[in-house]
Amino acid sequence: MHENELRRQVAELVADHAEQATPPPVAAIRRRGRLRRARQASGVILLIVAVVAGLIAVQQPLRRQVTPAPVVTQPPQPTQPPQPTRLVLSFADDVQAMLDTTLVDMTVVVLDRGKVSGDVWQLAAVRGTGRRSRQPKECLARQLDTLGRPFGFKCLVEDTNRAGARMTLGGGIHKIPLWGLAPQGTARVRLQGPKGTTPIEVPARTIGPGFQRRYYIALFKEGIRTAVALDGQGNEIAHYP
């Protein structure tokens, strides 16, 4: 039999016997109500218990995850007192300090350094204005690490009348190199000893911007007494002495 047909016949039987149905007694109704309320209360209690259990089960691992780790304190590290900075002056600073009472507006250029027989030497060029004379000066300053001979200076005052046609000769102490100043147009310098000895020649070198002279430096040679400045064509333009 088809499902719809069965439902139709059941509905007709219910309608035909509706007047024969009697309501249940009051006691039965009350008993049924108490049972229904008890079942509902039990269901509610079970539902609350399930929800609470679920919340506890869900929140417990979360609480363990968000609980911060205890702070681990490190013992304080001992602090070292600041060490004083040792001021180390350069050769240029030393030269400027030595000439501070003589020149103002100084420019110091370190030219060369070396070592001979255990002695260290350094050479610098200085340009400045005399504190008293107010005249521009150019100097060669040398330092030798030998007791009693720490510094040496050879200076020239600018001679506008002779266009700076003067030069210097220095060095030779403890066989350190020979050095000196020469006019700006000097190409090379000839160093001569006693008559009959072979002279030596070295190129003239540029000092730097602002300097009106050039310088030369040569290996030590015994007996050198004269220096001659030569231009590019070999003509003499200055001499010492």
Protein backbone atom coordinates (compact mmCIF):
# COMPACT_ATOMS: atom_id res chain seq x y z
CA MET A 1 0.00 0.00 0.00
CA HIS A 2 1.19 3.44 -0.81
CA GLU A 3 2.31 5.60 2.07
CA ASN A 4 -0.13 8.43 1.30
CA GLU A 5 -3.06 6.00 1.15
CA LEU A 6 -2.11 4.53 4.52
CA ARG A 7 -1.97 7.99 6.11
CA ARG A 8 -5.42 8.80 4.67
CA GLN A 9 -7.01 5.66 6.21
CA VAL A 10 -5.43 6.32 9.61
CA ALA A 11 -6.81 9.85 9.60
CA GLU A 12 -10.35 8.55 8.78
CA LEU A 13 -10.21 6.02 11.67
CA VAL A 14 -9.22 8.77 14.08
CA ALA A 15 -12.08 10.97 12.88
CA ASP A 16 -14.64 8.16 13.11
CA HIS A 17 -13.74 7.29 16.73
CA ALA A 18 -13.09 10.77 18.03
CA GLU A 19 -16.30 10.90 20.07
CA GLN A 20 -15.36 7.63 21.84
CA ALA A 21 -12.11 9.06 23.21
CA THR A 22 -12.26 10.09 26.87
CA PRO A 23 -9.87 12.51 28.53
CA PRO A 24 -7.47 10.97 30.96
CA PRO A 25 -8.17 11.43 34.65
CA VAL A 26 -6.79 14.53 36.45
CA ALA A 27 -4.33 12.48 38.47
CA ALA A 28 -2.93 10.97 35.30
CA ILE A 29 -2.57 14.44 33.78
CA ARG A 30 -0.75 15.74 36.85
CA ARG A 31 1.49 12.67 36.94
CA ARG A 32 2.31 13.09 33.29
CA GLY A 33 3.07 16.79 33.89
CA ARG A 34 5.43 16.00 36.75
CA LEU A 35 7.21 13.41 34.67
CA ARG A 36 7.49 15.84 31.75
CA ARG A 37 8.85 18.61 34.00
CA ALA A 38 11.28 16.17 35.59
CA ARG A 39 12.48 15.04 32.18
CA GLN A 40 12.86 18.67 31.09
CA ALA A 41 14.75 19.60 34.29
CA SER A 42 17.02 16.60 33.86
CA GLY A 43 17.69 17.60 30.29
CA VAL A 44 18.48 21.16 31.30
CA ILE A 45 20.82 19.99 34.06
CA LEU A 46 22.57 17.60 31.67
CA LEU A 47 22.87 20.40 29.13
CA ILE A 48 24.38 22.78 31.71
CA VAL A 49 26.79 20.08 32.87
CA ALA A 50 27.83 19.37 29.29
CA VAL A 51 28.33 23.07 28.52
CA VAL A 52 30.35 23.64 31.70
CA ALA A 53 32.45 20.57 31.02
CA GLY A 54 33.03 21.73 27.47
CA LEU A 55 34.08 25.19 28.63
CA ILE A 56 36.46 23.72 31.16
CA ALA A 57 37.90 21.35 28.57
CA VAL A 58 38.32 24.21 26.09
CA GLN A 59 39.60 26.88 28.48
CA GLN A 60 42.00 24.72 30.43
CA PRO A 61 44.57 24.28 27.63
CA LEU A 62 44.10 27.92 26.66
CA ARG A 63 44.87 29.02 30.19
CA ARG A 64 48.01 26.92 30.15
CA GLN A 65 49.06 28.47 26.87
CA VAL A 66 48.61 32.12 27.87
CA THR A 67 50.11 31.76 31.33
CA PRO A 68 53.35 33.82 31.12
CA ALA A 69 56.60 32.16 31.98
CA PRO A 70 58.16 33.27 35.24
CA VAL A 71 60.64 36.14 34.87
CA VAL A 72 64.21 35.00 35.26
CA THR A 73 66.30 37.75 36.77
CA GLN A 74 69.99 37.92 35.92
CA PRO A 75 72.45 38.98 38.57
CA PRO A 76 73.81 42.47 37.88
CA GLN A 77 77.01 42.44 35.88
CA PRO A 78 79.96 44.23 37.42
CA THR A 79 80.56 47.53 35.62
CA GLN A 80 84.08 48.58 34.78
CA PRO A 81 84.97 52.21 35.45
CA PRO A 82 85.63 54.18 32.23
CA GLN A 83 89.25 54.07 31.24
CA PRO A 84 90.89 57.45 30.57
CA THR A 85 91.61 58.06 26.90
CA ARG A 86 95.26 58.52 26.18
CA LEU A 87 95.87 61.47 23.90
CA VAL A 88 98.37 60.57 21.22
CA LEU A 89 99.68 63.54 19.27
CA SER A 90 100.85 63.22 15.68
CA PHE A 91 104.09 64.65 14.36
CA ALA A 92 102.14 67.51 12.77
CA ASP A 93 100.59 68.33 16.16
CA ASP A 94 104.04 68.28 17.78
CA VAL A 95 105.44 70.66 15.18
CA GLN A 96 102.52 73.05 15.53
CA ALA A 97 102.90 73.05 19.32
CA MET A 98 106.63 73.79 19.06
CA LEU A 99 106.12 76.74 16.71
CA ASP A 100 102.97 78.10 18.35
CA THR A 101 104.91 80.90 20.07
CA THR A 102 106.62 81.88 16.80
CA LEU A 103 103.99 81.54 14.04
CA VAL A 104 100.26 82.06 13.64
CA ASP A 105 97.87 80.76 10.95
CA MET A 106 100.03 77.69 10.48
CA THR A 107 99.73 74.93 7.90
CA VAL A 108 101.75 71.77 8.60
CA VAL A 109 102.38 69.09 5.97
CA VAL A 110 104.20 65.88 6.90
CA LEU A 111 106.59 65.07 4.05
CA ASP A 112 108.59 61.94 4.86
CA ARG A 113 109.93 59.67 7.59
CA GLY A 114 112.50 56.90 7.92
CA LYS A 115 114.94 55.08 10.17
CA VAL A 116 118.75 55.21 10.18
CA SER A 117 120.98 53.31 12.62
CA GLY A 118 118.05 52.83 15.00
CA ASP A 119 117.08 56.52 14.95
CA VAL A 120 113.66 57.43 13.54
CA TRP A 121 113.42 60.74 11.73
CA GLN A 122 110.45 62.69 10.39
CA LEU A 123 110.25 65.71 8.13
CA ALA A 124 107.47 68.30 7.77
CA ALA A 125 106.91 71.59 5.99
CA VAL A 126 105.33 74.54 7.81
CA ARG A 127 103.81 77.74 6.51
CA GLY A 128 102.68 80.60 8.76
CA THR A 129 103.03 84.25 9.71
CA GLY A 130 105.56 85.52 12.26
CA ARG A 131 103.91 86.75 15.46
CA ARG A 132 106.29 89.70 15.73
CA SER A 133 107.46 90.36 12.19
CA ARG A 134 104.04 89.74 10.57
CA GLN A 135 105.93 88.31 7.61
CA PRO A 136 105.04 85.00 5.90
CA LYS A 137 107.47 82.19 6.62
CA GLU A 138 108.07 78.72 5.27
CA CYS A 139 110.04 76.18 7.25
CA LEU A 140 111.27 72.62 7.19
CA ALA A 141 110.99 70.90 10.56
CA ARG A 142 112.64 67.63 11.42
CA GLN A 143 112.39 65.38 14.44
CA LEU A 144 115.06 62.88 15.39
CA ASP A 145 114.52 60.31 18.14
CA THR A 146 117.90 60.98 19.73
CA LEU A 147 118.35 62.26 23.25
CA GLY A 148 119.18 65.94 23.27
CA ARG A 149 118.25 66.54 19.64
CA PRO A 150 114.44 66.16 19.45
CA PHE A 151 113.64 68.94 16.96
CA GLY A 152 115.29 71.13 14.35
CA PHE A 153 113.96 73.93 12.13
CA LYS A 154 115.15 75.74 9.01
CA CYS A 155 112.94 78.65 8.00
CA LEU A 156 112.91 81.21 5.21
CA VAL A 157 111.10 84.52 5.11
CA GLU A 158 109.44 85.29 1.79
CA ASP A 159 111.67 87.66 -0.14
CA THR A 160 109.50 89.44 -2.69
CA ASN A 161 112.45 91.41 -4.09
CA ARG A 162 114.33 88.29 -5.12
CA ALA A 163 111.23 86.22 -5.89
CA GLY A 164 112.14 83.70 -3.19
CA ALA A 165 115.53 82.97 -4.76
CA ARG A 166 116.91 81.48 -1.55
CA MET A 167 117.27 77.92 -0.31
CA THR A 168 118.31 75.96 2.76
CA LEU A 169 120.41 72.92 3.52
CA GLY A 170 119.93 70.78 6.60
CA GLY A 171 120.09 67.27 7.95
CA GLY A 172 123.12 65.04 8.12
CA ILE A 173 122.99 64.63 11.92
CA HIS A 174 123.59 60.97 12.79
CA LYS A 175 123.58 60.31 9.02
CA ILE A 176 119.93 61.21 8.55
CA PRO A 177 119.07 62.44 5.03
CA LEU A 178 119.96 65.85 3.67
CA TRP A 179 116.99 68.14 3.06
CA GLY A 180 116.15 71.75 2.31
CA LEU A 181 113.86 74.34 0.71
CA ALA A 182 114.27 75.59 -2.86
CA PRO A 183 112.51 78.21 -5.06
CA GLN A 184 109.22 77.31 -6.71
CA GLY A 185 110.76 77.03 -10.19
CA THR A 186 113.35 74.44 -9.13
CA ALA A 187 113.34 71.19 -11.12
CA ARG A 188 116.30 69.50 -9.39
CA VAL A 189 118.92 70.24 -6.76
CA ARG A 190 122.66 69.55 -7.09
CA LEU A 191 124.47 68.76 -3.85
CA GLN A 192 128.25 69.31 -3.97
CA GLY A 193 131.07 68.35 -1.63
CA PRO A 194 134.72 69.35 -1.62
CA LYS A 195 136.41 70.07 -4.94
CA GLY A 196 137.18 66.88 -6.80
CA THR A 197 134.20 64.87 -5.40
CA THR A 198 131.27 63.80 -7.53
CA PRO A 199 128.10 65.84 -6.91
CA ILE A 200 124.68 64.24 -6.57
CA GLU A 201 121.39 65.50 -7.96
CA VAL A 202 117.86 64.90 -6.64
CA PRO A 203 114.46 66.10 -7.95
CA ALA A 204 112.64 68.99 -6.29
CA ARG A 205 109.25 68.02 -4.85
CA THR A 206 106.02 69.92 -4.42
CA ILE A 207 104.92 70.60 -0.84
CA GLY A 208 101.26 71.47 -1.35
CA PRO A 209 98.74 74.27 -1.96
CA GLY A 210 99.70 77.63 -0.46
CA PHE A 211 103.43 76.93 -0.31
CA GLN A 212 105.70 79.17 -2.40
CA ARG A 213 108.68 76.85 -2.33
CA ARG A 214 109.56 73.26 -3.09
CA TYR A 215 111.69 70.85 -1.06
CA TYR A 216 114.33 68.21 -1.71
CA ILE A 217 115.62 65.23 0.23
CA ALA A 218 118.70 63.08 -0.44
CA LEU A 219 120.56 60.22 1.21
CA PHE A 220 123.32 61.30 3.53
CA LYS A 221 126.73 61.85 1.99
CA GLU A 222 129.78 62.99 3.89
CA GLY A 223 131.19 66.40 3.06
CA ILE A 224 128.17 68.03 1.37
CA ARG A 225 128.44 71.79 1.88
CA THR A 226 126.72 73.35 -1.12
CA ALA A 227 123.26 73.09 -2.68
CA VAL A 228 122.36 74.53 -6.07
CA ALA A 229 118.79 74.88 -7.41
CA LEU A 230 118.45 74.23 -11.16
CA ASP A 231 115.45 74.88 -13.40
CA GLY A 232 114.18 72.57 -16.15
CA GLN A 233 116.93 73.73 -18.59
CA GLY A 234 119.72 73.24 -16.04
CA ASN A 235 120.15 76.94 -15.24
CA GLU A 236 121.08 77.92 -11.72
CA ILE A 237 118.33 79.94 -9.99
CA ALA A 238 119.48 79.76 -6.34
CA HIS A 239 122.26 78.36 -4.18
CA TYR A 240 123.22 77.67 -0.57
CA PRO A 241 125.14 79.25 1.05
